[in-house]
Amino acid sequence: MKRVITLTGLAMAIGLASMGAQAADYVAGKDYRVLDNPETISGDAIIVREFFWYGCPHCNVLDPHMEKWAKTKDKDVVFFKTPAALNPVWEANARGFYAAQLLGFEDKTHSALFDAIHKDGKKLFDQSSLSKWYASKGVNEKKFNSLYNSFAVGTKIGRSQEGAKRYQLTGVPAVVVQGKYVVTGEDAKVPKVVEYLVDKARAEKK
């Protein structure tokens, strides 16, 4: 009987050790980067921002992983998709994203645009091609073009550029947690690290 208990205890110990390994802490400098001058974010919410460009193949691979995570995130987590506008070509896609967002089409067109570019091989990197593509998804083309160069979209572009500079981003994809932690990569590990950092940021608020 003692032998059985001992083996059972050993099995439990091994199981717990295995669980501990699976739940091991991610390491700063390896799995994520800590910003030298983090943004001060007040309030109870945890802010997660994903910076991307529709033409980026790595962003395309990451998109379904982040979309899946977004559906299961905790209620105190606010998730923003942030199109990077680090150069004129990227800015064109960012303007298209924000115009569609303001017209209420973000959820319908976001992943679809990734597919159009990376699966269908469409070159959608300027206002003319973007306006026609968004129109094919039900967006009013006239309203889209009106918003594309509007003050409202320009303001959002400015905020995206300021955020990329503040978070010291030189490329995408990059996911920023609570203005302090930056996660890069394209596989299913990214949302796991993000979730770890969300818990970390939440604990740091207490």
N, C-alpha and C. Protein backbone atom coordinates (compact mmCIF):
# COMPACT_ATOMS: atom_id res chain seq x y z
N MET A 1 0.84 -1.21 0.00
CA MET A 1 0.00 0.00 0.00
C MET A 1 0.87 1.25 0.00
N LYS A 2 1.92 1.20 0.81
CA LYS A 2 2.81 2.37 0.87
C LYS A 2 3.47 2.62 -0.47
N ARG A 3 3.78 1.51 -1.16
CA ARG A 3 4.44 1.63 -2.46
C ARG A 3 3.52 2.33 -3.46
N VAL A 4 2.23 1.98 -3.43
CA VAL A 4 1.25 2.58 -4.33
C VAL A 4 1.12 4.07 -4.07
N ILE A 5 1.04 4.39 -2.78
CA ILE A 5 0.92 5.80 -2.41
C ILE A 5 2.15 6.58 -2.86
N THR A 6 3.31 5.96 -2.66
CA THR A 6 4.56 6.63 -3.06
C THR A 6 4.59 6.89 -4.56
N LEU A 7 4.18 5.85 -5.35
CA LEU A 7 4.17 6.01 -6.80
C LEU A 7 3.15 7.05 -7.23
N THR A 8 2.01 7.02 -6.54
CA THR A 8 0.97 8.01 -6.86
C THR A 8 1.48 9.42 -6.58
N GLY A 9 2.14 9.53 -5.41
CA GLY A 9 2.70 10.83 -5.04
C GLY A 9 3.73 11.30 -6.04
N LEU A 10 4.55 10.31 -6.52
CA LEU A 10 5.58 10.63 -7.50
C LEU A 10 4.94 11.08 -8.81
N ALA A 11 3.87 10.39 -9.21
CA ALA A 11 3.17 10.74 -10.45
C ALA A 11 2.58 12.14 -10.35
N MET A 12 2.01 12.45 -9.17
CA MET A 12 1.45 13.78 -8.96
C MET A 12 2.54 14.84 -9.03
N ALA A 13 3.69 14.52 -8.44
CA ALA A 13 4.81 15.46 -8.45
C ALA A 13 5.28 15.74 -9.87
N ILE A 14 5.35 14.63 -10.66
CA ILE A 14 5.77 14.78 -12.05
C ILE A 14 4.73 15.60 -12.82
N GLY A 15 3.45 15.32 -12.55
CA GLY A 15 2.38 16.06 -13.22
C GLY A 15 2.42 17.53 -12.89
N LEU A 16 2.64 17.84 -11.62
CA LEU A 16 2.73 19.24 -11.20
C LEU A 16 3.94 19.92 -11.82
N ALA A 17 5.04 19.18 -11.89
CA ALA A 17 6.24 19.75 -12.49
C ALA A 17 6.01 20.05 -13.95
N SER A 18 5.27 19.15 -14.62
CA SER A 18 4.95 19.34 -16.03
C SER A 18 4.08 20.56 -16.21
N MET A 19 3.08 20.69 -15.33
CA MET A 19 2.20 21.85 -15.40
C MET A 19 2.99 23.12 -15.17
N GLY A 20 3.93 23.06 -14.23
CA GLY A 20 4.74 24.23 -13.93
C GLY A 20 5.57 24.64 -15.12
N ALA A 21 6.08 23.63 -15.85
CA ALA A 21 6.89 23.93 -17.03
C ALA A 21 6.05 24.58 -18.11
N GLN A 22 4.82 24.08 -18.26
CA GLN A 22 3.93 24.63 -19.27
C GLN A 22 3.53 26.07 -18.93
N ALA A 23 3.44 26.35 -17.64
CA ALA A 23 3.01 27.67 -17.21
C ALA A 23 4.20 28.55 -16.83
N ALA A 24 5.39 28.16 -17.33
CA ALA A 24 6.61 28.91 -16.98
C ALA A 24 6.50 30.37 -17.40
N ASP A 25 7.10 31.23 -16.62
CA ASP A 25 7.08 32.65 -16.93
C ASP A 25 7.85 32.91 -18.22
N TYR A 26 7.32 33.82 -19.01
CA TYR A 26 8.04 34.26 -20.20
C TYR A 26 9.11 35.26 -19.76
N VAL A 27 10.15 35.36 -20.55
CA VAL A 27 11.33 36.12 -20.13
C VAL A 27 11.47 37.43 -20.90
N ALA A 28 11.66 38.51 -20.15
CA ALA A 28 11.90 39.82 -20.76
C ALA A 28 13.22 39.79 -21.51
N GLY A 29 13.24 40.37 -22.70
CA GLY A 29 14.44 40.37 -23.50
C GLY A 29 14.51 39.19 -24.44
N LYS A 30 13.65 38.18 -24.18
CA LYS A 30 13.60 37.00 -25.04
C LYS A 30 12.21 36.84 -25.66
N ASP A 31 11.21 36.80 -24.81
CA ASP A 31 9.84 36.62 -25.28
C ASP A 31 9.09 37.94 -25.49
N TYR A 32 9.58 38.98 -24.86
CA TYR A 32 8.98 40.31 -25.01
C TYR A 32 10.00 41.36 -24.61
N ARG A 33 9.70 42.60 -24.98
CA ARG A 33 10.60 43.71 -24.68
C ARG A 33 9.91 44.68 -23.72
N VAL A 34 10.65 45.18 -22.75
CA VAL A 34 10.13 46.16 -21.80
C VAL A 34 10.61 47.54 -22.24
N LEU A 35 9.68 48.46 -22.43
CA LEU A 35 10.05 49.80 -22.89
C LEU A 35 10.76 50.58 -21.79
N ASP A 36 11.76 51.35 -22.18
CA ASP A 36 12.51 52.15 -21.22
C ASP A 36 11.65 53.24 -20.60
N ASN A 37 10.79 53.84 -21.42
CA ASN A 37 9.90 54.91 -20.95
C ASN A 37 8.46 54.52 -21.23
N PRO A 38 7.89 53.67 -20.39
CA PRO A 38 6.53 53.20 -20.64
C PRO A 38 5.49 54.31 -20.57
N GLU A 39 4.43 54.12 -21.30
CA GLU A 39 3.31 55.07 -21.30
C GLU A 39 2.54 54.91 -19.99
N THR A 40 2.08 56.02 -19.45
CA THR A 40 1.26 55.97 -18.23
C THR A 40 -0.20 55.85 -18.64
N ILE A 41 -0.82 54.76 -18.25
CA ILE A 41 -2.22 54.50 -18.60
C ILE A 41 -3.04 54.43 -17.32
N SER A 42 -3.99 55.31 -17.19
CA SER A 42 -4.84 55.33 -16.00
C SER A 42 -6.11 54.52 -16.25
N GLY A 43 -6.85 54.30 -15.20
CA GLY A 43 -8.09 53.53 -15.32
C GLY A 43 -7.87 52.06 -15.03
N ASP A 44 -8.97 51.31 -15.05
CA ASP A 44 -8.92 49.89 -14.69
C ASP A 44 -8.63 48.98 -15.88
N ALA A 45 -8.82 49.48 -17.08
CA ALA A 45 -8.67 48.63 -18.27
C ALA A 45 -7.21 48.35 -18.59
N ILE A 46 -6.97 47.19 -19.19
CA ILE A 46 -5.66 46.83 -19.71
C ILE A 46 -5.72 47.04 -21.22
N ILE A 47 -4.82 47.86 -21.75
CA ILE A 47 -4.86 48.22 -23.17
C ILE A 47 -3.87 47.37 -23.97
N VAL A 48 -4.38 46.73 -25.01
CA VAL A 48 -3.55 45.94 -25.92
C VAL A 48 -3.72 46.51 -27.33
N ARG A 49 -2.59 46.85 -27.96
CA ARG A 49 -2.63 47.41 -29.31
C ARG A 49 -1.77 46.57 -30.26
N GLU A 50 -2.39 46.12 -31.34
CA GLU A 50 -1.67 45.35 -32.35
C GLU A 50 -1.36 46.26 -33.54
N PHE A 51 -0.07 46.48 -33.80
CA PHE A 51 0.36 47.27 -34.94
C PHE A 51 0.62 46.33 -36.12
N PHE A 52 0.10 46.67 -37.29
CA PHE A 52 0.21 45.78 -38.44
C PHE A 52 0.20 46.59 -39.75
N TRP A 53 0.54 45.89 -40.83
CA TRP A 53 0.36 46.42 -42.19
C TRP A 53 -0.22 45.29 -43.02
N TYR A 54 -1.22 45.61 -43.82
CA TYR A 54 -1.90 44.57 -44.59
C TYR A 54 -0.97 43.86 -45.58
N GLY A 55 0.07 44.53 -46.04
CA GLY A 55 0.97 43.90 -46.99
C GLY A 55 2.03 43.02 -46.35
N CYS A 56 2.10 43.01 -45.03
CA CYS A 56 3.11 42.25 -44.30
C CYS A 56 2.71 40.77 -44.18
N PRO A 57 3.52 39.86 -44.72
CA PRO A 57 3.18 38.43 -44.63
C PRO A 57 3.15 37.90 -43.20
N HIS A 58 4.00 38.46 -42.34
CA HIS A 58 4.02 38.02 -40.93
C HIS A 58 2.75 38.47 -40.20
N CYS A 59 2.27 39.66 -40.53
CA CYS A 59 1.02 40.16 -39.95
C CYS A 59 -0.15 39.30 -40.40
N ASN A 60 -0.07 38.87 -41.64
CA ASN A 60 -1.12 38.00 -42.19
C ASN A 60 -1.18 36.68 -41.42
N VAL A 61 -0.02 36.12 -41.10
CA VAL A 61 0.03 34.85 -40.35
C VAL A 61 -0.47 35.04 -38.92
N LEU A 62 -0.13 36.17 -38.33
CA LEU A 62 -0.52 36.43 -36.94
C LEU A 62 -2.00 36.72 -36.80
N ASP A 63 -2.61 37.33 -37.81
CA ASP A 63 -3.99 37.82 -37.71
C ASP A 63 -4.98 36.80 -37.13
N PRO A 64 -5.07 35.56 -37.64
CA PRO A 64 -6.06 34.63 -37.07
C PRO A 64 -5.79 34.28 -35.61
N HIS A 65 -4.52 34.28 -35.21
CA HIS A 65 -4.20 33.99 -33.80
C HIS A 65 -4.70 35.12 -32.90
N MET A 66 -4.52 36.36 -33.33
CA MET A 66 -4.98 37.50 -32.53
C MET A 66 -6.50 37.62 -32.55
N GLU A 67 -7.10 37.27 -33.69
CA GLU A 67 -8.56 37.31 -33.78
C GLU A 67 -9.17 36.29 -32.82
N LYS A 68 -8.57 35.11 -32.75
CA LYS A 68 -9.05 34.07 -31.84
C LYS A 68 -8.90 34.53 -30.39
N TRP A 69 -7.73 35.13 -30.08
CA TRP A 69 -7.51 35.61 -28.72
C TRP A 69 -8.51 36.70 -28.35
N ALA A 70 -8.78 37.59 -29.28
CA ALA A 70 -9.67 38.73 -29.02
C ALA A 70 -11.08 38.27 -28.61
N LYS A 71 -11.48 37.11 -29.11
CA LYS A 71 -12.82 36.60 -28.79
C LYS A 71 -12.90 36.00 -27.39
N THR A 72 -11.75 35.70 -26.80
CA THR A 72 -11.75 35.07 -25.48
C THR A 72 -11.09 35.93 -24.40
N LYS A 73 -10.66 37.13 -24.75
CA LYS A 73 -9.96 38.00 -23.80
C LYS A 73 -10.87 38.37 -22.64
N ASP A 74 -10.26 38.73 -21.52
CA ASP A 74 -11.02 39.14 -20.34
C ASP A 74 -11.73 40.46 -20.58
N LYS A 75 -12.79 40.70 -19.83
CA LYS A 75 -13.62 41.88 -20.04
C LYS A 75 -12.90 43.19 -19.74
N ASP A 76 -11.87 43.12 -18.90
CA ASP A 76 -11.16 44.37 -18.57
C ASP A 76 -10.05 44.69 -19.57
N VAL A 77 -9.95 43.90 -20.63
CA VAL A 77 -8.93 44.12 -21.66
C VAL A 77 -9.56 44.81 -22.86
N VAL A 78 -8.99 45.93 -23.27
CA VAL A 78 -9.44 46.66 -24.45
C VAL A 78 -8.43 46.45 -25.56
N PHE A 79 -8.89 45.91 -26.69
CA PHE A 79 -8.00 45.55 -27.79
C PHE A 79 -8.20 46.49 -28.98
N PHE A 80 -7.12 47.13 -29.41
CA PHE A 80 -7.17 48.03 -30.55
C PHE A 80 -6.31 47.49 -31.70
N LYS A 81 -6.88 47.37 -32.88
CA LYS A 81 -6.09 47.10 -34.07
C LYS A 81 -5.56 48.45 -34.55
N THR A 82 -4.26 48.55 -34.71
CA THR A 82 -3.64 49.83 -35.07
C THR A 82 -2.80 49.67 -36.33
N PRO A 83 -3.31 50.14 -37.48
CA PRO A 83 -2.53 50.05 -38.71
C PRO A 83 -1.32 50.97 -38.65
N ALA A 84 -0.14 50.42 -38.82
CA ALA A 84 1.07 51.22 -38.78
C ALA A 84 1.13 52.10 -40.04
N ALA A 85 1.65 53.31 -39.89
CA ALA A 85 1.76 54.25 -41.01
C ALA A 85 3.19 54.79 -41.05
N LEU A 86 4.15 53.87 -41.12
CA LEU A 86 5.56 54.25 -41.04
C LEU A 86 6.13 54.76 -42.37
N ASN A 87 5.38 54.61 -43.45
CA ASN A 87 5.80 55.13 -44.75
C ASN A 87 4.55 55.38 -45.58
N PRO A 88 4.66 56.05 -46.73
CA PRO A 88 3.47 56.39 -47.53
C PRO A 88 2.62 55.20 -47.96
N VAL A 89 3.24 54.08 -48.31
CA VAL A 89 2.46 52.91 -48.73
C VAL A 89 1.66 52.34 -47.55
N TRP A 90 2.31 52.22 -46.41
CA TRP A 90 1.62 51.74 -45.22
C TRP A 90 0.51 52.70 -44.83
N GLU A 91 0.77 54.00 -44.98
CA GLU A 91 -0.24 55.00 -44.60
C GLU A 91 -1.49 54.86 -45.46
N ALA A 92 -1.33 54.49 -46.73
CA ALA A 92 -2.49 54.32 -47.60
C ALA A 92 -3.42 53.25 -47.04
N ASN A 93 -2.85 52.12 -46.64
CA ASN A 93 -3.66 51.05 -46.04
C ASN A 93 -4.24 51.46 -44.70
N ALA A 94 -3.48 52.25 -43.94
CA ALA A 94 -3.98 52.71 -42.64
C ALA A 94 -5.18 53.64 -42.83
N ARG A 95 -5.10 54.51 -43.83
CA ARG A 95 -6.23 55.41 -44.11
C ARG A 95 -7.45 54.61 -44.54
N GLY A 96 -7.22 53.57 -45.34
CA GLY A 96 -8.34 52.72 -45.74
C GLY A 96 -8.97 52.03 -44.55
N PHE A 97 -8.15 51.53 -43.64
CA PHE A 97 -8.64 50.86 -42.44
C PHE A 97 -9.52 51.81 -41.62
N TYR A 98 -9.01 53.02 -41.38
CA TYR A 98 -9.76 53.95 -40.53
C TYR A 98 -11.03 54.46 -41.20
N ALA A 99 -10.99 54.64 -42.53
CA ALA A 99 -12.20 55.05 -43.24
C ALA A 99 -13.27 53.97 -43.11
N ALA A 100 -12.86 52.71 -43.29
CA ALA A 100 -13.80 51.60 -43.15
C ALA A 100 -14.29 51.48 -41.71
N GLN A 101 -13.40 51.72 -40.76
CA GLN A 101 -13.76 51.65 -39.35
C GLN A 101 -14.83 52.69 -39.02
N LEU A 102 -14.63 53.91 -39.49
CA LEU A 102 -15.59 54.98 -39.21
C LEU A 102 -16.94 54.71 -39.85
N LEU A 103 -16.94 53.91 -40.91
CA LEU A 103 -18.19 53.56 -41.59
C LEU A 103 -18.80 52.27 -41.04
N GLY A 104 -18.16 51.70 -40.00
CA GLY A 104 -18.71 50.52 -39.34
C GLY A 104 -18.41 49.19 -40.03
N PHE A 105 -17.34 49.15 -40.84
CA PHE A 105 -17.04 47.94 -41.59
C PHE A 105 -15.75 47.24 -41.15
N GLU A 106 -15.16 47.65 -40.03
CA GLU A 106 -13.89 47.07 -39.61
C GLU A 106 -13.96 45.55 -39.47
N ASP A 107 -14.95 45.05 -38.76
CA ASP A 107 -15.05 43.62 -38.51
C ASP A 107 -15.25 42.82 -39.80
N LYS A 108 -15.97 43.39 -40.74
CA LYS A 108 -16.28 42.68 -41.98
C LYS A 108 -15.10 42.67 -42.96
N THR A 109 -14.27 43.70 -42.90
CA THR A 109 -13.24 43.85 -43.94
C THR A 109 -11.81 43.57 -43.48
N HIS A 110 -11.55 43.55 -42.19
CA HIS A 110 -10.17 43.45 -41.70
C HIS A 110 -9.47 42.19 -42.19
N SER A 111 -9.92 41.04 -41.78
CA SER A 111 -9.28 39.79 -42.19
C SER A 111 -9.47 39.54 -43.69
N ALA A 112 -10.57 40.02 -44.23
CA ALA A 112 -10.84 39.83 -45.67
C ALA A 112 -9.80 40.53 -46.52
N LEU A 113 -9.30 41.69 -46.07
CA LEU A 113 -8.29 42.41 -46.83
C LEU A 113 -6.96 41.66 -46.80
N PHE A 114 -6.62 41.07 -45.67
CA PHE A 114 -5.44 40.22 -45.60
C PHE A 114 -5.55 39.10 -46.64
N ASP A 115 -6.72 38.46 -46.70
CA ASP A 115 -6.92 37.36 -47.65
C ASP A 115 -6.81 37.84 -49.09
N ALA A 116 -7.39 38.99 -49.37
CA ALA A 116 -7.37 39.52 -50.73
C ALA A 116 -5.94 39.76 -51.22
N ILE A 117 -5.10 40.24 -50.31
CA ILE A 117 -3.70 40.54 -50.67
C ILE A 117 -2.84 39.28 -50.69
N HIS A 118 -2.95 38.46 -49.66
CA HIS A 118 -2.01 37.34 -49.51
C HIS A 118 -2.49 36.02 -50.12
N LYS A 119 -3.80 35.85 -50.25
CA LYS A 119 -4.32 34.63 -50.87
C LYS A 119 -4.69 34.84 -52.33
N ASP A 120 -5.29 36.02 -52.60
CA ASP A 120 -5.75 36.30 -53.96
C ASP A 120 -4.73 37.08 -54.79
N GLY A 121 -3.66 37.57 -54.12
CA GLY A 121 -2.61 38.27 -54.84
C GLY A 121 -2.98 39.65 -55.36
N LYS A 122 -3.98 40.28 -54.76
CA LYS A 122 -4.39 41.61 -55.21
C LYS A 122 -3.46 42.69 -54.67
N LYS A 123 -3.18 43.70 -55.48
CA LYS A 123 -2.31 44.81 -55.09
C LYS A 123 -3.21 45.96 -54.62
N LEU A 124 -3.45 45.99 -53.34
CA LEU A 124 -4.37 46.98 -52.77
C LEU A 124 -3.61 47.92 -51.84
N PHE A 125 -2.84 48.81 -52.46
CA PHE A 125 -1.94 49.67 -51.67
C PHE A 125 -2.06 51.16 -52.01
N ASP A 126 -3.18 51.56 -52.60
CA ASP A 126 -3.40 52.98 -52.88
C ASP A 126 -4.90 53.27 -52.77
N GLN A 127 -5.24 54.54 -52.73
CA GLN A 127 -6.63 54.93 -52.50
C GLN A 127 -7.57 54.38 -53.57
N SER A 128 -7.17 54.45 -54.82
CA SER A 128 -8.04 54.02 -55.90
C SER A 128 -8.39 52.54 -55.79
N SER A 129 -7.37 51.68 -55.65
CA SER A 129 -7.63 50.24 -55.56
C SER A 129 -8.37 49.89 -54.27
N LEU A 130 -8.03 50.58 -53.19
CA LEU A 130 -8.67 50.31 -51.90
C LEU A 130 -10.15 50.70 -51.92
N SER A 131 -10.44 51.85 -52.50
CA SER A 131 -11.84 52.31 -52.53
C SER A 131 -12.71 51.33 -53.29
N LYS A 132 -12.19 50.79 -54.40
CA LYS A 132 -12.95 49.83 -55.20
C LYS A 132 -13.10 48.51 -54.44
N TRP A 133 -12.04 48.07 -53.76
CA TRP A 133 -12.14 46.83 -53.03
C TRP A 133 -13.12 46.94 -51.87
N TYR A 134 -13.02 48.02 -51.09
CA TYR A 134 -13.95 48.20 -49.97
C TYR A 134 -15.39 48.31 -50.48
N ALA A 135 -15.57 48.94 -51.65
CA ALA A 135 -16.91 49.05 -52.22
C ALA A 135 -17.47 47.67 -52.54
N SER A 136 -16.58 46.74 -52.95
CA SER A 136 -17.02 45.37 -53.25
C SER A 136 -17.49 44.64 -52.01
N LYS A 137 -17.13 45.18 -50.84
CA LYS A 137 -17.55 44.59 -49.56
C LYS A 137 -18.74 45.32 -48.95
N GLY A 138 -19.31 46.25 -49.70
CA GLY A 138 -20.50 46.94 -49.23
C GLY A 138 -20.29 48.34 -48.71
N VAL A 139 -19.04 48.80 -48.70
CA VAL A 139 -18.74 50.15 -48.22
C VAL A 139 -19.13 51.16 -49.31
N ASN A 140 -19.78 52.24 -48.90
CA ASN A 140 -20.14 53.29 -49.85
C ASN A 140 -18.86 53.96 -50.35
N GLU A 141 -18.57 53.84 -51.65
CA GLU A 141 -17.31 54.30 -52.19
C GLU A 141 -17.14 55.82 -52.06
N LYS A 142 -18.21 56.54 -52.27
CA LYS A 142 -18.16 58.00 -52.17
C LYS A 142 -17.82 58.43 -50.74
N LYS A 143 -18.46 57.81 -49.76
CA LYS A 143 -18.20 58.13 -48.36
C LYS A 143 -16.79 57.70 -47.97
N PHE A 144 -16.35 56.55 -48.49
CA PHE A 144 -15.00 56.07 -48.21
C PHE A 144 -13.97 57.08 -48.68
N ASN A 145 -14.11 57.53 -49.92
CA ASN A 145 -13.15 58.49 -50.47
C ASN A 145 -13.20 59.83 -49.75
N SER A 146 -14.37 60.20 -49.29
CA SER A 146 -14.51 61.45 -48.54
C SER A 146 -13.78 61.37 -47.21
N LEU A 147 -13.85 60.20 -46.58
CA LEU A 147 -13.21 60.02 -45.27
C LEU A 147 -11.71 59.77 -45.39
N TYR A 148 -11.28 59.21 -46.50
CA TYR A 148 -9.90 58.78 -46.69
C TYR A 148 -8.89 59.87 -46.34
N ASN A 149 -9.14 61.08 -46.81
CA ASN A 149 -8.23 62.21 -46.54
C ASN A 149 -8.82 63.21 -45.55
N SER A 150 -9.80 62.76 -44.78
CA SER A 150 -10.48 63.65 -43.84
C SER A 150 -9.65 63.96 -42.61
N PHE A 151 -10.08 64.97 -41.88
CA PHE A 151 -9.41 65.34 -40.63
C PHE A 151 -9.51 64.20 -39.61
N ALA A 152 -10.67 63.54 -39.58
CA ALA A 152 -10.89 62.46 -38.61
C ALA A 152 -9.90 61.32 -38.84
N VAL A 153 -9.72 60.92 -40.10
CA VAL A 153 -8.77 59.86 -40.41
C VAL A 153 -7.34 60.34 -40.20
N GLY A 154 -7.07 61.59 -40.59
CA GLY A 154 -5.73 62.15 -40.40
C GLY A 154 -5.33 62.16 -38.93
N THR A 155 -6.29 62.44 -38.06
CA THR A 155 -6.03 62.44 -36.61
C THR A 155 -5.65 61.04 -36.13
N LYS A 156 -6.37 60.03 -36.63
CA LYS A 156 -6.07 58.65 -36.25
C LYS A 156 -4.71 58.22 -36.78
N ILE A 157 -4.37 58.67 -37.99
CA ILE A 157 -3.06 58.36 -38.56
C ILE A 157 -1.96 58.96 -37.67
N GLY A 158 -2.17 60.19 -37.24
CA GLY A 158 -1.20 60.86 -36.37
C GLY A 158 -1.00 60.10 -35.07
N ARG A 159 -2.08 59.60 -34.50
CA ARG A 159 -1.99 58.84 -33.25
C ARG A 159 -1.25 57.53 -33.46
N SER A 160 -1.49 56.91 -34.60
CA SER A 160 -0.78 55.66 -34.92
C SER A 160 0.72 55.92 -35.03
N GLN A 161 1.08 56.98 -35.72
CA GLN A 161 2.50 57.31 -35.90
C GLN A 161 3.15 57.69 -34.58
N GLU A 162 2.43 58.44 -33.76
CA GLU A 162 2.95 58.81 -32.44
C GLU A 162 3.15 57.57 -31.57
N GLY A 163 2.19 56.63 -31.65
CA GLY A 163 2.29 55.41 -30.87
C GLY A 163 3.48 54.57 -31.29
N ALA A 164 3.67 54.43 -32.59
CA ALA A 164 4.81 53.65 -33.10
C ALA A 164 6.13 54.25 -32.65
N LYS A 165 6.19 55.57 -32.64
CA LYS A 165 7.42 56.26 -32.19
C LYS A 165 7.61 56.08 -30.69
N ARG A 166 6.54 56.24 -29.93
CA ARG A 166 6.61 56.12 -28.48
C ARG A 166 7.03 54.72 -28.06
N TYR A 167 6.52 53.72 -28.79
CA TYR A 167 6.83 52.33 -28.44
C TYR A 167 8.08 51.81 -29.14
N GLN A 168 8.78 52.72 -29.84
CA GLN A 168 10.06 52.40 -30.49
C GLN A 168 9.92 51.23 -31.48
N LEU A 169 8.86 51.28 -32.29
CA LEU A 169 8.62 50.22 -33.26
C LEU A 169 9.34 50.53 -34.57
N THR A 170 10.04 49.56 -35.09
CA THR A 170 10.71 49.72 -36.38
C THR A 170 10.12 48.80 -37.43
N GLY A 171 9.18 47.95 -37.02
CA GLY A 171 8.53 47.04 -37.95
C GLY A 171 7.29 46.45 -37.34
N VAL A 172 6.62 45.61 -38.12
CA VAL A 172 5.40 44.94 -37.68
C VAL A 172 5.49 43.47 -38.08
N PRO A 173 4.70 42.60 -37.42
CA PRO A 173 3.71 42.91 -36.39
C PRO A 173 4.35 43.16 -35.03
N ALA A 174 3.65 43.96 -34.24
CA ALA A 174 4.09 44.25 -32.87
C ALA A 174 2.85 44.47 -32.02
N VAL A 175 2.78 43.78 -30.90
CA VAL A 175 1.65 43.93 -29.99
C VAL A 175 2.14 44.58 -28.71
N VAL A 176 1.53 45.70 -28.35
CA VAL A 176 1.95 46.47 -27.19
C VAL A 176 0.92 46.29 -26.08
N VAL A 177 1.39 45.88 -24.91
CA VAL A 177 0.51 45.65 -23.76
C VAL A 177 0.72 46.74 -22.73
N GLN A 178 -0.34 47.46 -22.44
CA GLN A 178 -0.38 48.49 -21.40
C GLN A 178 0.72 49.55 -21.59
N GLY A 179 1.08 49.81 -22.83
CA GLY A 179 2.07 50.86 -23.12
C GLY A 179 3.44 50.59 -22.55
N LYS A 180 3.70 49.33 -22.19
CA LYS A 180 4.95 49.01 -21.51
C LYS A 180 5.68 47.82 -22.11
N TYR A 181 4.93 46.84 -22.56
CA TYR A 181 5.54 45.60 -23.06
C TYR A 181 5.27 45.43 -24.55
N VAL A 182 6.29 45.01 -25.30
CA VAL A 182 6.15 44.81 -26.75
C VAL A 182 6.44 43.36 -27.11
N VAL A 183 5.49 42.74 -27.80
CA VAL A 183 5.63 41.35 -28.23
C VAL A 183 5.71 41.32 -29.75
N THR A 184 6.69 40.61 -30.29
CA THR A 184 6.79 40.45 -31.74
C THR A 184 6.74 38.96 -32.08
N GLY A 185 6.45 38.67 -33.33
CA GLY A 185 6.33 37.28 -33.75
C GLY A 185 5.08 37.10 -34.58
N GLU A 186 4.86 35.88 -35.05
CA GLU A 186 3.71 35.66 -35.94
C GLU A 186 2.94 34.38 -35.64
N ASP A 187 3.38 33.61 -34.64
CA ASP A 187 2.71 32.34 -34.40
C ASP A 187 1.78 32.38 -33.18
N ALA A 188 1.26 31.21 -32.81
CA ALA A 188 0.29 31.12 -31.72
C ALA A 188 0.89 31.47 -30.37
N LYS A 189 2.21 31.56 -30.29
CA LYS A 189 2.85 31.93 -29.02
C LYS A 189 2.57 33.38 -28.67
N VAL A 190 2.41 34.24 -29.68
CA VAL A 190 2.24 35.67 -29.43
C VAL A 190 1.06 35.97 -28.51
N PRO A 191 -0.16 35.49 -28.79
CA PRO A 191 -1.25 35.78 -27.87
C PRO A 191 -1.07 35.17 -26.48
N LYS A 192 -0.29 34.08 -26.40
CA LYS A 192 0.00 33.50 -25.08
C LYS A 192 0.88 34.43 -24.26
N VAL A 193 1.88 35.01 -24.92
CA VAL A 193 2.74 35.98 -24.24
C VAL A 193 1.94 37.23 -23.89
N VAL A 194 1.08 37.64 -24.80
CA VAL A 194 0.22 38.80 -24.55
C VAL A 194 -0.65 38.56 -23.32
N GLU A 195 -1.25 37.38 -23.23
CA GLU A 195 -2.10 37.07 -22.08
C GLU A 195 -1.29 37.05 -20.78
N TYR A 196 -0.08 36.53 -20.84
CA TYR A 196 0.81 36.54 -19.68
C TYR A 196 1.08 37.98 -19.24
N LEU A 197 1.32 38.87 -20.21
CA LEU A 197 1.63 40.26 -19.90
C LEU A 197 0.40 41.03 -19.44
N VAL A 198 -0.76 40.63 -19.92
CA VAL A 198 -2.00 41.22 -19.42
C VAL A 198 -2.15 40.93 -17.94
N ASP A 199 -1.92 39.67 -17.55
CA ASP A 199 -2.00 39.29 -16.13
C ASP A 199 -0.94 40.05 -15.32
N LYS A 200 0.24 40.20 -15.91
CA LYS A 200 1.33 40.92 -15.23
C LYS A 200 0.97 42.38 -15.02
N ALA A 201 0.43 43.00 -16.08
CA ALA A 201 0.04 44.41 -15.99
C ALA A 201 -1.09 44.60 -14.98
N ARG A 202 -2.02 43.64 -14.94
CA ARG A 202 -3.12 43.71 -14.01
C ARG A 202 -2.62 43.62 -12.56
N ALA A 203 -1.66 42.74 -12.34
CA ALA A 203 -1.09 42.57 -10.99
C ALA A 203 -0.32 43.83 -10.57
N GLU A 204 0.31 44.48 -11.54
CA GLU A 204 1.09 45.68 -11.24
C GLU A 204 0.21 46.86 -10.88
N LYS A 205 -1.07 46.79 -11.25
CA LYS A 205 -1.99 47.89 -10.91
C LYS A 205 -2.38 47.84 -9.43
N LYS A 206 -2.27 46.65 -8.84
CA LYS A 206 -2.72 46.49 -7.44
C LYS A 206 -1.68 46.98 -6.45
